[in-house]
Amino acid sequence: MQEYWDLVSRVASTHRPVIVRRGSADVVALIAVEHLALLQEIVAQQEAERLAAQVDWAHAAQTFPPPQEWLAGDEPKPF
């Protein structure tokens, strides 16, 4: 048990992740709490991409076109 507390202390002091393995399988990943928000953002982005891949975008664009006021107006033109 002490070895796990040593790993937690090492992660806390170095801010570097540690992967704990048993045999050839990854058991747990220890990360610094500062990295948790970034990890959650990455997981959310992956989920959003997975859901977006399921949408028929051509059909959605025809069925639910954007309001014309979104397209009207003087937007900055880069070119």
Protein backbone atom coordinates (compact mmCIF):
# COMPACT_ATOMS: atom_id res chain seq x y z
CA MET A 1 0.00 0.00 0.00
CA GLN A 2 2.87 2.34 0.77
CA GLU A 3 4.14 2.01 -2.80
CA TYR A 4 0.85 3.47 -4.10
CA TRP A 5 1.14 6.44 -1.75
CA ASP A 6 4.69 6.91 -3.01
CA LEU A 7 3.35 7.01 -6.57
CA VAL A 8 0.69 9.56 -5.61
CA SER A 9 3.35 11.68 -3.93
CA ARG A 10 5.56 11.44 -7.01
CA VAL A 11 2.75 12.57 -9.31
CA ALA A 12 1.88 15.43 -6.96
CA SER A 13 5.46 16.64 -6.75
CA THR A 14 6.54 16.19 -10.40
CA HIS A 15 3.16 16.82 -12.11
CA ARG A 16 3.96 13.92 -14.45
CA PRO A 17 1.42 11.12 -15.00
CA VAL A 18 2.11 7.59 -13.86
CA ILE A 19 0.51 4.46 -15.31
CA VAL A 20 0.24 1.58 -12.84
CA ARG A 21 0.41 -1.82 -14.52
CA ARG A 22 -0.23 -5.26 -13.17
CA GLY A 23 1.10 -7.99 -15.40
CA SER A 24 0.74 -6.56 -18.90
CA ALA A 25 -2.49 -4.65 -18.23
CA ASP A 26 -2.85 -0.98 -17.37
CA VAL A 27 -4.67 -0.81 -14.04
CA VAL A 28 -4.82 2.90 -13.23
CA ALA A 29 -3.48 6.23 -14.42
CA LEU A 30 -2.49 8.83 -11.86
CA ILE A 31 -2.47 12.42 -13.09
CA ALA A 32 -1.96 15.76 -11.40
CA VAL A 33 -5.25 17.48 -10.64
CA GLU A 34 -4.14 20.42 -12.81
CA HIS A 35 -4.39 18.12 -15.83
CA LEU A 36 -7.88 16.87 -15.03
CA ALA A 37 -9.72 19.74 -16.78
CA LEU A 38 -7.65 19.21 -19.94
CA LEU A 39 -8.32 15.49 -19.89
CA GLN A 40 -12.07 16.09 -19.45
CA GLU A 41 -12.00 18.54 -22.38
CA ILE A 42 -10.25 16.00 -24.61
CA VAL A 43 -12.79 13.29 -23.72
CA ALA A 44 -15.68 15.71 -24.39
CA GLN A 45 -14.18 16.67 -27.77
CA GLN A 46 -13.87 13.01 -28.75
CA GLU A 47 -17.50 12.40 -27.77
CA ALA A 48 -18.65 15.44 -29.77
CA GLU A 49 -16.74 14.19 -32.82
CA ARG A 50 -18.26 10.73 -32.41
CA LEU A 51 -21.78 12.20 -32.28
CA ALA A 52 -21.11 14.57 -35.20
CA ALA A 53 -20.04 11.62 -37.35
CA GLN A 54 -23.53 10.15 -36.93
CA VAL A 55 -25.33 13.23 -38.30
CA ASP A 56 -26.44 13.37 -41.94
CA TRP A 57 -25.19 16.93 -42.43
CA ALA A 58 -26.60 17.35 -45.97
CA HIS A 59 -30.07 16.43 -44.75
CA ALA A 60 -29.74 18.58 -41.64
CA ALA A 61 -28.70 21.62 -43.72
CA GLN A 62 -31.77 21.25 -45.94
CA THR A 63 -34.15 20.54 -43.08
CA PHE A 64 -32.85 23.13 -40.63
CA PRO A 65 -31.18 25.94 -42.62
CA PRO A 66 -29.61 28.76 -40.60
CA PRO A 67 -31.69 31.93 -40.20
CA GLN A 68 -31.03 34.47 -42.95
CA GLU A 69 -30.06 37.13 -40.41
CA TRP A 70 -27.02 34.99 -39.61
CA LEU A 71 -25.90 35.37 -43.21
CA ALA A 72 -26.80 39.03 -43.64
CA GLY A 73 -24.62 41.88 -42.49
CA ASP A 74 -21.16 43.20 -42.99
CA GLU A 75 -18.84 40.61 -41.64
CA PRO A 76 -15.10 41.15 -41.87
CA LYS A 77 -13.78 39.56 -45.06
CA PRO A 78 -10.19 38.28 -44.76
CA PHE A 79 -9.62 38.40 -48.55
